[in-house]
Structure formats: structure tokens, C-alpha cells
Amino acid sequence: RLLLAFLGIASLIALWAIASYSGLIQPLFLPTPSAVFNSAITLFRDLNLAGDILISLYRIILGFLLSVVVSVPLGVYIGINKRGQAFFEPVINFIRYIPSSALLPLFILWFGIGELEKVLLIFISVTPYFVVLVYDAVANTKKEYIEAGYTLGANWNTVVFRIIIPQALPSIWDAMRLIMSTAWTFVILAEIVAATSGLGYLIITSSRFLQTANVIAAIIIIGLLGLLTDLLFKFTYKKFFPWAEKTHYA
């Protein structure tokens, strides 16, 4: 599996190298891998790229954790309570279909251009999707488990906390993994407009001066950070939920 993963990445780099070194695509549009590598070194050494990475991670983690605190209890409640579902579902779906780019001007007006605006934009952008995923995880609890619990004398609270939630936790963890990747999209959106730091700010300022190598370097860093995060979620999934059957984790 490691060899195949390496070959997949190597193939992508090889195609990039062929297209750029051969002159098939001009450097303005696609710099060579060595030019992008040199740009990344310069960004780290002279332009505080490490600081931009840390501030973007800070915004993502804070917005993500805030979403977890709200989405998991709300999704569980909607999944086990039909009245709660009837009340919250239309509101959640209404917000879910509003593009975050449409909310950005309002958030700048309401919260300014500081950290609060960016964290809340991530929160409001990912939470509706997260709630739906948690709700689905809870609602898909196997009926025979619940019936077996009642047969063995369990009450409703025991069924919820000893059967439904443990059964849903692996799927909720997978939902967290998906939402974390989505949060990267929205933090870049927040940093492209009215920001003075972060990877999104680096991308937009570099594009204004046609510094394509810097743009690609920032994009690759985002991809690497996302890949590391994804691997962390996959590793912890196997550690936290060894009982969960998932053939593609074998």
C-alpha cells in the first residue's frame, strides 16, 4: 500500500515535471517543481510562511471544535427525537444551501475582519453539513440492537447512551474527518478577503503579483497538511473503534 501511494504521488509529480520542464506550459502558468521548491524555501526563510500555516491551522481547529461542540449533540438529538427533527431540519437545510461566499460580506460587517469573523465563518459553513451527517449516523442504528436492548430490560436512556451513541460513534468520527477537509475550503475563502495573514492571504497576494510558484507552493502545503490530518483520523479510527467493520481499513 505504501508503494502504491508513493507511485500515485510520483506519477503526478512526473506529469507536472514533463509539462513544465519541456516548455509545454509556460512558467507563468505552471512553474517547474524545482522553482516551486525554491519558492517554498524562500517563503519559510524570508516571508514567515510558518506563521501563516500556524494562523490558518488555529482558525480551522477553533472553528472545527466549535462545530463539534454544537453539531454532535444537536445531530444526536435530531436523530432520536422526531419533534426535534421537525423543528431543526428546515432551519439546518435552509442554512446548508446558502453559499458561504454570500455570507462573507455580512460577517465582515457584523464581526469585523479579525479572528472572530473567520472562525465563525468556518463554523457556520461546516455545521449544517456536520449536523446532517451526525443525524444520519444516529438514525441508521440497527433496529435489532435497539429491540435487543429493550428485550433485556433497558430503558430509553440506556438505549441512547449504551446502544445508539456507541453504534453511531465510528460514523460520527468519519463525519469529523470529512468536515475537517471541508473546513480548509472555508478558511481559505475567509483569508482571501479582508485578511493580513494565513495561507489564503498568501495565495491571493502572490496571484496579484503573478508569483505562480508561491501560489502552487501554498496549495501543496495545504494538500500536505490535509493529507496528514486525514491520516491522523484514519489511524485514530482504528485505535478508537477496533470493533467497527470497515473493509477499506483492513
Protein backbone atom coordinates (compact mmCIF):
# COMPACT_ATOMS: atom_id res chain seq x y z
CA ARG A 1 0.00 0.00 0.00
CA LEU A 2 2.86 2.39 0.78
CA LEU A 3 4.46 1.60 -2.57
CA LEU A 4 1.22 2.24 -4.43
CA ALA A 5 0.71 5.51 -2.54
CA PHE A 6 4.24 6.58 -3.44
CA LEU A 7 3.70 5.64 -7.09
CA GLY A 8 0.49 7.67 -7.23
CA ILE A 9 2.20 10.81 -5.93
CA ALA A 10 5.30 10.20 -8.06
CA SER A 11 3.16 9.88 -11.19
CA LEU A 12 1.53 13.24 -10.52
CA ILE A 13 4.91 14.90 -9.96
CA ALA A 14 6.28 13.26 -13.12
CA LEU A 15 3.44 14.64 -15.24
CA TRP A 16 4.00 18.08 -13.72
CA ALA A 17 7.74 17.89 -14.42
CA ILE A 18 7.22 16.80 -18.05
CA ALA A 19 4.72 19.57 -18.72
CA SER A 20 6.85 22.30 -17.09
CA TYR A 21 10.46 21.36 -17.93
CA SER A 22 9.61 20.60 -21.56
CA GLY A 23 8.16 24.07 -22.08
CA LEU A 24 4.79 22.62 -22.99
CA ILE A 25 3.28 25.01 -20.42
CA GLN A 26 4.84 28.40 -19.79
CA PRO A 27 6.40 29.04 -16.32
CA LEU A 28 3.91 31.85 -15.68
CA PHE A 29 1.10 29.28 -15.72
CA LEU A 30 2.95 26.23 -14.37
CA PRO A 31 6.39 26.69 -12.77
CA THR A 32 8.75 23.73 -12.55
CA PRO A 33 8.88 21.60 -9.39
CA SER A 34 12.33 22.99 -8.56
CA ALA A 35 11.06 26.59 -8.89
CA VAL A 36 8.16 25.82 -6.53
CA PHE A 37 10.52 24.13 -4.06
CA ASN A 38 12.84 27.16 -4.09
CA SER A 39 9.87 29.47 -3.60
CA ALA A 40 8.74 27.44 -0.59
CA ILE A 41 12.23 27.72 0.93
CA THR A 42 12.20 31.49 0.37
CA LEU A 43 8.73 31.80 1.88
CA PHE A 44 9.79 29.91 5.00
CA ARG A 45 13.05 31.83 5.34
CA ASP A 46 12.02 35.39 4.46
CA LEU A 47 8.22 35.73 4.48
CA ASN A 48 7.10 33.90 7.65
CA LEU A 49 5.34 31.01 5.91
CA ALA A 50 5.42 29.04 9.17
CA GLY A 51 3.40 31.83 10.81
CA ASP A 52 0.82 31.75 8.00
CA ILE A 53 0.49 27.98 8.39
CA LEU A 54 0.02 28.25 12.15
CA ILE A 55 -2.61 31.00 11.93
CA SER A 56 -4.60 29.03 9.33
CA LEU A 57 -4.41 25.90 11.50
CA TYR A 58 -5.52 27.92 14.52
CA ARG A 59 -8.59 29.24 12.68
CA ILE A 60 -9.52 25.83 11.31
CA ILE A 61 -9.12 23.97 14.60
CA LEU A 62 -11.08 26.58 16.56
CA GLY A 63 -13.93 26.69 14.04
CA PHE A 64 -13.94 22.90 13.79
CA LEU A 65 -14.03 22.35 17.56
CA LEU A 66 -16.82 24.89 17.94
CA SER A 67 -18.75 22.99 15.28
CA VAL A 68 -18.15 19.67 17.05
CA VAL A 69 -19.49 21.09 20.32
CA VAL A 70 -22.71 22.19 18.60
CA SER A 71 -23.18 19.61 15.85
CA VAL A 72 -22.70 16.34 17.71
CA PRO A 73 -25.29 16.94 20.49
CA LEU A 74 -27.72 18.57 18.04
CA GLY A 75 -27.33 15.77 15.47
CA VAL A 76 -27.85 13.11 18.14
CA TYR A 77 -30.92 14.93 19.46
CA ILE A 78 -32.44 15.22 15.99
CA GLY A 79 -31.67 11.58 15.31
CA ILE A 80 -33.52 10.30 18.39
CA ASN A 81 -36.33 12.86 18.62
CA LYS A 82 -38.84 13.29 15.79
CA ARG A 83 -40.13 16.57 17.17
CA GLY A 84 -36.60 17.91 17.31
CA GLN A 85 -36.09 16.78 13.74
CA ALA A 86 -39.27 18.54 12.61
CA PHE A 87 -38.17 21.76 14.34
CA PHE A 88 -34.49 21.91 13.39
CA GLU A 89 -34.31 20.19 10.00
CA PRO A 90 -35.86 23.03 7.91
CA VAL A 91 -33.57 25.59 9.57
CA ILE A 92 -30.46 23.48 9.04
CA ASN A 93 -31.30 22.75 5.40
CA PHE A 94 -32.01 26.44 4.79
CA ILE A 95 -28.57 27.42 6.08
CA ARG A 96 -26.91 24.48 4.30
CA TYR A 97 -27.91 25.77 0.88
CA ILE A 98 -26.62 29.31 1.45
CA PRO A 99 -23.14 29.71 -0.12
CA SER A 100 -20.52 30.82 2.38
CA SER A 101 -19.29 33.41 -0.10
CA ALA A 102 -22.69 35.09 0.19
CA LEU A 103 -22.34 35.27 3.98
CA LEU A 104 -18.82 36.68 3.92
CA PRO A 105 -19.80 40.37 3.40
CA LEU A 106 -22.32 40.14 6.23
CA PHE A 107 -19.81 38.54 8.57
CA ILE A 108 -17.29 41.28 7.85
CA LEU A 109 -19.99 43.87 8.55
CA TRP A 110 -21.13 42.18 11.76
CA PHE A 111 -17.85 40.92 13.22
CA GLY A 112 -15.16 42.98 11.51
CA ILE A 113 -12.07 41.48 9.88
CA GLY A 114 -10.50 39.90 12.96
CA GLU A 115 -10.24 36.30 14.09
CA LEU A 116 -13.88 36.09 15.23
CA GLU A 117 -15.19 36.65 11.69
CA LYS A 118 -13.00 33.92 10.22
CA VAL A 119 -13.69 31.36 12.95
CA LEU A 120 -17.45 31.98 12.81
CA LEU A 121 -17.45 31.74 9.01
CA ILE A 122 -15.85 28.28 9.25
CA PHE A 123 -18.30 27.32 12.00
CA ILE A 124 -21.44 28.40 10.13
CA SER A 125 -20.15 26.88 6.88
CA VAL A 126 -19.46 23.36 8.16
CA THR A 127 -22.00 22.95 10.97
CA PRO A 128 -25.15 22.32 8.85
CA TYR A 129 -23.38 19.54 6.95
CA PHE A 130 -21.94 18.11 10.15
CA VAL A 131 -25.34 18.02 11.86
CA VAL A 132 -26.85 16.12 8.92
CA LEU A 133 -24.01 13.57 8.95
CA VAL A 134 -24.37 13.02 12.71
CA TYR A 135 -28.14 12.71 12.34
CA ASP A 136 -27.70 10.08 9.61
CA ALA A 137 -25.23 8.14 11.76
CA VAL A 138 -27.68 8.07 14.67
CA ALA A 139 -30.74 7.35 12.54
CA ASN A 140 -29.01 4.38 10.88
CA THR A 141 -28.55 2.49 14.16
CA LYS A 142 -29.53 -1.12 13.58
CA LYS A 143 -33.07 -1.67 14.76
CA GLU A 144 -32.33 -5.15 16.08
CA TYR A 145 -29.79 -3.71 18.56
CA ILE A 146 -32.41 -1.36 19.99
CA GLU A 147 -35.01 -4.12 20.17
CA ALA A 148 -32.49 -6.41 21.87
CA GLY A 149 -31.80 -3.70 24.44
CA TYR A 150 -35.48 -3.33 25.28
CA THR A 151 -35.85 -7.12 25.44
CA LEU A 152 -33.05 -7.25 28.01
CA GLY A 153 -34.80 -4.64 30.16
CA ALA A 154 -33.05 -1.43 29.11
CA ASN A 155 -34.89 1.88 29.39
CA TRP A 156 -34.79 4.71 26.83
CA ASN A 157 -31.78 6.49 28.36
CA THR A 158 -29.80 3.24 28.47
CA VAL A 159 -30.66 2.53 24.84
CA VAL A 160 -29.48 6.01 23.81
CA PHE A 161 -26.22 6.05 25.76
CA ARG A 162 -25.28 2.35 25.63
CA ILE A 163 -26.53 1.37 22.16
CA ILE A 164 -27.35 4.25 19.81
CA ILE A 165 -24.43 6.58 20.54
CA PRO A 166 -21.71 3.85 20.63
CA GLN A 167 -23.12 2.42 17.39
CA ALA A 168 -23.02 5.87 15.76
CA LEU A 169 -19.59 6.97 17.04
CA PRO A 170 -17.49 5.42 14.21
CA SER A 171 -19.66 7.14 11.60
CA ILE A 172 -19.50 10.40 13.55
CA TRP A 173 -15.70 10.13 13.56
CA ASP A 174 -15.76 9.67 9.79
CA ALA A 175 -18.02 12.73 9.56
CA MET A 176 -15.45 14.71 11.55
CA ARG A 177 -12.80 13.62 9.07
CA LEU A 178 -14.88 14.88 6.14
CA ILE A 179 -15.79 18.14 7.86
CA MET A 180 -12.15 18.88 8.69
CA SER A 181 -11.31 18.70 4.99
CA THR A 182 -14.24 20.98 4.19
CA ALA A 183 -13.05 23.49 6.80
CA TRP A 184 -9.88 24.05 4.76
CA THR A 185 -12.02 25.31 1.88
CA PHE A 186 -13.74 27.87 4.02
CA VAL A 187 -10.66 29.13 5.87
CA ILE A 188 -9.03 29.91 2.52
CA LEU A 189 -12.19 31.75 1.49
CA ALA A 190 -12.12 33.74 4.74
CA GLU A 191 -8.43 34.58 4.30
CA ILE A 192 -8.71 35.64 0.67
CA VAL A 193 -10.93 38.59 1.63
CA ALA A 194 -10.00 41.13 4.32
CA ALA A 195 -7.09 39.26 5.87
CA THR A 196 -3.46 40.07 6.60
CA SER A 197 -2.19 36.57 7.36
CA GLY A 198 -2.78 32.92 6.59
CA LEU A 199 -2.30 30.67 3.59
CA GLY A 200 -5.30 32.14 1.78
CA TYR A 201 -3.84 35.62 2.16
CA LEU A 202 -0.53 34.34 0.80
CA ILE A 203 -2.27 32.83 -2.23
CA ILE A 204 -4.25 35.96 -3.13
CA THR A 205 -1.33 38.36 -2.65
CA SER A 206 1.01 36.14 -4.68
CA SER A 207 -1.52 35.88 -7.51
CA ARG A 208 -1.80 39.67 -7.71
CA PHE A 209 1.92 39.88 -8.47
CA LEU A 210 1.86 36.82 -10.79
CA GLN A 211 4.03 34.82 -8.36
CA THR A 212 2.65 31.50 -9.53
CA ALA A 213 5.36 29.46 -7.81
CA ASN A 214 4.32 30.91 -4.45
CA VAL A 215 0.67 30.09 -5.16
CA ILE A 216 1.46 26.48 -6.04
CA ALA A 217 3.78 26.14 -3.02
CA ALA A 218 0.95 27.29 -0.72
CA ILE A 219 -1.50 24.91 -2.42
CA ILE A 220 0.88 21.97 -1.99
CA ILE A 221 1.36 22.83 1.70
CA ILE A 222 -2.42 22.88 2.18
CA GLY A 223 -2.64 19.48 0.49
CA LEU A 224 0.12 18.04 2.67
CA LEU A 225 -1.49 19.36 5.85
CA GLY A 226 -4.81 17.92 4.76
CA LEU A 227 -3.18 14.57 3.99
CA LEU A 228 -1.56 14.45 7.43
CA THR A 229 -4.88 15.30 9.08
CA ASP A 230 -6.64 12.61 7.08
CA LEU A 231 -4.02 10.02 8.07
CA LEU A 232 -4.42 11.04 11.71
CA PHE A 233 -8.18 10.47 11.56
CA LYS A 234 -7.71 7.09 9.86
CA PHE A 235 -5.11 5.99 12.44
CA THR A 236 -7.22 7.08 15.42
CA TYR A 237 -10.30 5.44 13.89
CA LYS A 238 -8.63 2.05 14.10
CA LYS A 239 -7.44 2.76 17.65
CA PHE A 240 -10.73 4.13 19.00
CA PHE A 241 -13.15 1.81 17.19
CA PRO A 242 -11.48 -1.59 16.71
CA TRP A 243 -14.90 -3.26 16.69
CA ALA A 244 -16.16 -1.27 13.69
CA GLU A 245 -16.28 -3.30 10.50
CA LYS A 246 -14.78 -1.35 7.63
CA THR A 247 -13.24 -3.36 4.83
CA HIS A 248 -11.20 -0.49 3.31
CA TYR A 249 -9.36 -0.05 6.62
CA ALA A 250 -8.21 -3.67 6.56
